Amino acid sequence: MHIYETITEAVADLEMRGYEYDLNLTADGLECKSLDLFLMPEEFEIDEFYRFEGMTDPDDSAVIYAVSSPVGNLKGVVIDAYGVYAENVSPELLDKLKMHHG
């Protein structure tokens, strides 16, 4: 695990290490719009995660997930506002994210 000062620094380093795709959380999994690809929780692994706490504003808190999948030989990054996903995703996806969140 690396230590990053900012979200921008983390994303830039992850991109240099091959995590090149932007992934978005959906209700049931992860979406890669640039590849028109959707991944269910069982189709990807969370390789690393980094938590950023907002120093002055708790709304600035976020978690970055470095994700890989054999589907499409994909490596990408998910940036999620801290805890926001909890009520918007399936139980399976929530369980996978929680394993790497705390």
N, C-alpha and C. Protein backbone atom coordinates (compact mmCIF):
# COMPACT_ATOMS: atom_id res chain seq x y z
N MET A 1 0.84 -1.18 0.00
CA MET A 1 0.00 0.00 0.00
C MET A 1 0.89 1.25 0.00
N HIS A 2 0.44 2.21 -0.73
CA HIS A 2 1.16 3.47 -0.84
C HIS A 2 0.49 4.51 0.07
N ILE A 3 1.18 5.58 0.33
CA ILE A 3 0.62 6.68 1.11
C ILE A 3 0.56 7.89 0.19
N TYR A 4 -0.62 8.46 0.07
CA TYR A 4 -0.83 9.62 -0.80
C TYR A 4 -1.36 10.79 0.01
N GLU A 5 -0.94 11.97 -0.36
CA GLU A 5 -1.42 13.18 0.29
C GLU A 5 -2.77 13.63 -0.24
N THR A 6 -2.98 13.42 -1.55
CA THR A 6 -4.22 13.91 -2.18
C THR A 6 -4.83 12.83 -3.06
N ILE A 7 -6.10 13.01 -3.35
CA ILE A 7 -6.80 12.10 -4.27
C ILE A 7 -6.15 12.16 -5.65
N THR A 8 -5.80 13.36 -6.09
CA THR A 8 -5.18 13.54 -7.40
C THR A 8 -3.87 12.77 -7.50
N GLU A 9 -3.06 12.82 -6.45
CA GLU A 9 -1.79 12.10 -6.42
C GLU A 9 -2.03 10.59 -6.50
N ALA A 10 -3.02 10.11 -5.77
CA ALA A 10 -3.34 8.68 -5.76
C ALA A 10 -3.78 8.22 -7.15
N VAL A 11 -4.69 8.96 -7.76
CA VAL A 11 -5.19 8.58 -9.08
C VAL A 11 -4.07 8.59 -10.12
N ALA A 12 -3.21 9.61 -10.08
CA ALA A 12 -2.11 9.70 -11.03
C ALA A 12 -1.16 8.51 -10.88
N ASP A 13 -0.84 8.12 -9.65
CA ASP A 13 0.06 6.99 -9.44
C ASP A 13 -0.59 5.68 -9.86
N LEU A 14 -1.85 5.51 -9.53
CA LEU A 14 -2.55 4.29 -9.94
C LEU A 14 -2.61 4.19 -11.47
N GLU A 15 -2.83 5.29 -12.15
CA GLU A 15 -2.83 5.29 -13.61
C GLU A 15 -1.47 4.86 -14.15
N MET A 16 -0.40 5.37 -13.54
CA MET A 16 0.95 4.99 -13.96
C MET A 16 1.19 3.49 -13.74
N ARG A 17 0.50 2.92 -12.77
CA ARG A 17 0.65 1.48 -12.47
C ARG A 17 -0.37 0.62 -13.21
N GLY A 18 -1.05 1.22 -14.21
CA GLY A 18 -1.92 0.43 -15.08
C GLY A 18 -3.39 0.50 -14.80
N TYR A 19 -3.81 1.22 -13.77
CA TYR A 19 -5.24 1.36 -13.47
C TYR A 19 -5.77 2.53 -14.28
N GLU A 20 -5.99 2.26 -15.57
CA GLU A 20 -6.22 3.34 -16.52
C GLU A 20 -7.68 3.72 -16.74
N TYR A 21 -8.61 2.89 -16.34
CA TYR A 21 -10.02 3.16 -16.64
C TYR A 21 -10.75 3.78 -15.46
N ASP A 22 -11.65 4.71 -15.77
CA ASP A 22 -12.54 5.28 -14.77
C ASP A 22 -13.76 4.37 -14.65
N LEU A 23 -14.03 3.93 -13.45
CA LEU A 23 -15.18 3.06 -13.19
C LEU A 23 -16.16 3.79 -12.30
N ASN A 24 -17.44 3.52 -12.52
CA ASN A 24 -18.50 4.15 -11.73
C ASN A 24 -19.30 3.09 -11.00
N LEU A 25 -19.64 3.38 -9.75
CA LEU A 25 -20.53 2.51 -8.99
C LEU A 25 -21.94 2.64 -9.53
N THR A 26 -22.61 1.52 -9.69
CA THR A 26 -24.03 1.51 -10.03
C THR A 26 -24.74 0.73 -8.94
N ALA A 27 -26.02 0.55 -9.08
CA ALA A 27 -26.78 -0.19 -8.06
C ALA A 27 -26.31 -1.63 -7.91
N ASP A 28 -25.82 -2.23 -9.00
CA ASP A 28 -25.49 -3.65 -8.98
C ASP A 28 -24.03 -4.01 -9.22
N GLY A 29 -23.21 -3.04 -9.59
CA GLY A 29 -21.82 -3.37 -9.90
C GLY A 29 -21.04 -2.14 -10.31
N LEU A 30 -20.08 -2.36 -11.20
CA LEU A 30 -19.23 -1.28 -11.69
C LEU A 30 -19.42 -1.13 -13.19
N GLU A 31 -19.41 0.12 -13.63
CA GLU A 31 -19.58 0.41 -15.05
C GLU A 31 -18.34 1.12 -15.57
N CYS A 32 -17.87 0.67 -16.72
CA CYS A 32 -16.78 1.35 -17.42
C CYS A 32 -17.38 1.89 -18.71
N LYS A 33 -17.71 3.18 -18.71
CA LYS A 33 -18.39 3.77 -19.86
C LYS A 33 -17.51 3.79 -21.10
N SER A 34 -16.20 4.01 -20.94
CA SER A 34 -15.33 4.09 -22.11
C SER A 34 -15.22 2.76 -22.85
N LEU A 35 -15.44 1.65 -22.16
CA LEU A 35 -15.41 0.33 -22.79
C LEU A 35 -16.81 -0.26 -22.98
N ASP A 36 -17.83 0.48 -22.54
CA ASP A 36 -19.21 -0.02 -22.57
C ASP A 36 -19.27 -1.39 -21.91
N LEU A 37 -18.73 -1.46 -20.68
CA LEU A 37 -18.59 -2.72 -19.95
C LEU A 37 -19.22 -2.58 -18.57
N PHE A 38 -19.90 -3.63 -18.14
CA PHE A 38 -20.49 -3.66 -16.80
C PHE A 38 -19.95 -4.88 -16.07
N LEU A 39 -19.52 -4.69 -14.82
CA LEU A 39 -18.97 -5.77 -14.00
C LEU A 39 -19.84 -6.02 -12.78
N MET A 40 -20.23 -7.26 -12.60
CA MET A 40 -20.93 -7.67 -11.38
C MET A 40 -19.89 -7.86 -10.28
N PRO A 41 -20.30 -7.83 -9.00
CA PRO A 41 -19.33 -7.96 -7.90
C PRO A 41 -18.41 -9.17 -8.00
N GLU A 42 -18.91 -10.29 -8.50
CA GLU A 42 -18.07 -11.48 -8.60
C GLU A 42 -17.09 -11.42 -9.77
N GLU A 43 -17.17 -10.40 -10.61
CA GLU A 43 -16.31 -10.30 -11.79
C GLU A 43 -15.11 -9.37 -11.60
N PHE A 44 -14.95 -8.80 -10.40
CA PHE A 44 -13.80 -7.93 -10.17
C PHE A 44 -13.26 -8.11 -8.76
N GLU A 45 -12.02 -7.68 -8.59
CA GLU A 45 -11.36 -7.69 -7.29
C GLU A 45 -10.92 -6.29 -6.94
N ILE A 46 -10.95 -5.97 -5.67
CA ILE A 46 -10.42 -4.70 -5.18
C ILE A 46 -8.99 -4.98 -4.73
N ASP A 47 -8.04 -4.45 -5.50
CA ASP A 47 -6.62 -4.71 -5.24
C ASP A 47 -6.07 -3.83 -4.12
N GLU A 48 -6.50 -2.58 -4.11
CA GLU A 48 -6.03 -1.61 -3.12
C GLU A 48 -7.16 -0.63 -2.86
N PHE A 49 -7.11 0.02 -1.71
CA PHE A 49 -8.05 1.11 -1.46
C PHE A 49 -7.36 2.15 -0.58
N TYR A 50 -7.79 3.38 -0.76
CA TYR A 50 -7.21 4.51 -0.03
C TYR A 50 -8.33 5.41 0.44
N ARG A 51 -8.30 5.75 1.71
CA ARG A 51 -9.32 6.61 2.30
C ARG A 51 -8.73 8.01 2.48
N PHE A 52 -9.52 8.99 2.11
CA PHE A 52 -9.13 10.39 2.28
C PHE A 52 -10.18 11.08 3.13
N GLU A 53 -9.73 11.66 4.21
CA GLU A 53 -10.63 12.36 5.12
C GLU A 53 -10.57 13.85 4.81
N GLY A 54 -11.71 14.49 4.67
CA GLY A 54 -11.74 15.93 4.44
C GLY A 54 -11.28 16.67 5.68
N MET A 55 -10.23 17.44 5.57
CA MET A 55 -9.67 18.14 6.72
C MET A 55 -10.62 19.19 7.27
N THR A 56 -11.25 19.95 6.39
CA THR A 56 -12.11 21.03 6.85
C THR A 56 -13.58 20.74 6.61
N ASP A 57 -13.87 19.82 5.70
CA ASP A 57 -15.26 19.54 5.34
C ASP A 57 -15.44 18.04 5.20
N PRO A 58 -16.24 17.41 6.07
CA PRO A 58 -16.46 15.97 5.98
C PRO A 58 -17.00 15.54 4.62
N ASP A 59 -17.66 16.44 3.91
CA ASP A 59 -18.18 16.11 2.59
C ASP A 59 -17.06 15.87 1.57
N ASP A 60 -15.83 16.28 1.91
CA ASP A 60 -14.69 16.08 1.02
C ASP A 60 -14.08 14.69 1.19
N SER A 61 -14.59 13.89 2.11
CA SER A 61 -14.04 12.56 2.34
C SER A 61 -14.39 11.64 1.18
N ALA A 62 -13.45 10.74 0.85
CA ALA A 62 -13.66 9.81 -0.27
C ALA A 62 -12.82 8.57 -0.06
N VAL A 63 -13.19 7.53 -0.79
CA VAL A 63 -12.41 6.31 -0.85
C VAL A 63 -12.11 6.04 -2.32
N ILE A 64 -10.84 5.71 -2.60
CA ILE A 64 -10.44 5.32 -3.96
C ILE A 64 -10.18 3.83 -3.94
N TYR A 65 -10.79 3.13 -4.88
CA TYR A 65 -10.58 1.69 -5.03
C TYR A 65 -9.80 1.43 -6.32
N ALA A 66 -8.71 0.66 -6.24
CA ALA A 66 -8.00 0.17 -7.42
C ALA A 66 -8.58 -1.21 -7.71
N VAL A 67 -9.19 -1.36 -8.88
CA VAL A 67 -9.98 -2.54 -9.21
C VAL A 67 -9.38 -3.25 -10.42
N SER A 68 -9.38 -4.58 -10.39
CA SER A 68 -8.97 -5.35 -11.56
C SER A 68 -10.02 -6.42 -11.85
N SER A 69 -10.07 -6.81 -13.13
CA SER A 69 -11.02 -7.82 -13.54
C SER A 69 -10.45 -8.61 -14.72
N PRO A 70 -10.63 -9.94 -14.69
CA PRO A 70 -10.24 -10.72 -15.85
C PRO A 70 -11.16 -10.45 -17.05
N VAL A 71 -12.34 -9.90 -16.80
CA VAL A 71 -13.26 -9.55 -17.87
C VAL A 71 -12.67 -8.34 -18.60
N GLY A 72 -12.24 -8.52 -19.81
CA GLY A 72 -11.63 -7.44 -20.57
C GLY A 72 -10.23 -7.10 -20.11
N ASN A 73 -9.65 -7.93 -19.24
CA ASN A 73 -8.31 -7.65 -18.69
C ASN A 73 -8.23 -6.21 -18.20
N LEU A 74 -9.20 -5.83 -17.41
CA LEU A 74 -9.44 -4.44 -17.02
C LEU A 74 -8.78 -4.09 -15.69
N LYS A 75 -8.19 -2.91 -15.63
CA LYS A 75 -7.71 -2.33 -14.38
C LYS A 75 -8.20 -0.89 -14.36
N GLY A 76 -8.86 -0.51 -13.27
CA GLY A 76 -9.40 0.84 -13.22
C GLY A 76 -9.54 1.35 -11.80
N VAL A 77 -10.09 2.55 -11.70
CA VAL A 77 -10.20 3.26 -10.44
C VAL A 77 -11.65 3.68 -10.21
N VAL A 78 -12.11 3.47 -8.98
CA VAL A 78 -13.42 3.96 -8.54
C VAL A 78 -13.15 4.99 -7.45
N ILE A 79 -13.75 6.16 -7.59
CA ILE A 79 -13.67 7.17 -6.54
C ILE A 79 -15.07 7.31 -5.98
N ASP A 80 -15.20 7.08 -4.68
CA ASP A 80 -16.52 7.11 -4.06
C ASP A 80 -16.51 8.05 -2.86
N ALA A 81 -17.48 8.94 -2.83
CA ALA A 81 -17.64 9.80 -1.65
C ALA A 81 -17.87 8.89 -0.46
N TYR A 82 -17.20 9.16 0.61
CA TYR A 82 -17.17 8.31 1.79
C TYR A 82 -18.56 7.91 2.26
N GLY A 83 -18.87 6.62 2.13
CA GLY A 83 -20.11 6.09 2.66
C GLY A 83 -21.36 6.37 1.84
N VAL A 84 -21.24 7.13 0.77
CA VAL A 84 -22.43 7.49 0.00
C VAL A 84 -23.07 6.28 -0.64
N TYR A 85 -22.28 5.29 -1.04
CA TYR A 85 -22.82 4.15 -1.76
C TYR A 85 -23.74 3.29 -0.91
N ALA A 86 -23.68 3.38 0.39
CA ALA A 86 -24.32 2.42 1.28
C ALA A 86 -25.80 2.20 0.98
N GLU A 87 -26.53 3.22 0.64
CA GLU A 87 -27.96 3.01 0.41
C GLU A 87 -28.32 2.88 -1.06
N ASN A 88 -27.33 2.93 -1.95
CA ASN A 88 -27.62 2.96 -3.37
C ASN A 88 -27.17 1.72 -4.14
N VAL A 89 -26.63 0.71 -3.46
CA VAL A 89 -26.11 -0.44 -4.17
C VAL A 89 -26.68 -1.74 -3.61
N SER A 90 -26.51 -2.81 -4.39
CA SER A 90 -27.01 -4.12 -3.98
C SER A 90 -26.26 -4.62 -2.76
N PRO A 91 -26.87 -5.53 -2.01
CA PRO A 91 -26.18 -6.11 -0.84
C PRO A 91 -24.86 -6.78 -1.21
N GLU A 92 -24.79 -7.43 -2.38
CA GLU A 92 -23.57 -8.11 -2.80
C GLU A 92 -22.43 -7.12 -3.04
N LEU A 93 -22.76 -6.01 -3.71
CA LEU A 93 -21.75 -5.00 -3.98
C LEU A 93 -21.34 -4.31 -2.68
N LEU A 94 -22.29 -4.02 -1.83
CA LEU A 94 -21.99 -3.38 -0.55
C LEU A 94 -21.06 -4.26 0.27
N ASP A 95 -21.31 -5.56 0.31
CA ASP A 95 -20.46 -6.48 1.06
C ASP A 95 -19.02 -6.45 0.52
N LYS A 96 -18.89 -6.44 -0.80
CA LYS A 96 -17.54 -6.43 -1.40
C LYS A 96 -16.82 -5.13 -1.05
N LEU A 97 -17.49 -4.01 -1.13
CA LEU A 97 -16.86 -2.74 -0.81
C LEU A 97 -16.53 -2.63 0.67
N LYS A 98 -17.41 -3.11 1.53
CA LYS A 98 -17.19 -3.03 2.96
C LYS A 98 -15.97 -3.83 3.40
N MET A 99 -15.71 -4.96 2.73
CA MET A 99 -14.54 -5.77 3.07
C MET A 99 -13.27 -4.95 2.98
N HIS A 100 -13.26 -3.96 2.10
CA HIS A 100 -12.05 -3.19 1.84
C HIS A 100 -12.15 -1.76 2.35
N HIS A 101 -13.20 -1.45 3.04
CA HIS A 101 -13.45 -0.06 3.39
C HIS A 101 -12.93 0.30 4.76
N GLY A 102 -13.12 -0.58 5.72
CA GLY A 102 -12.82 -0.24 7.09
C GLY A 102 -11.45 -0.54 7.49
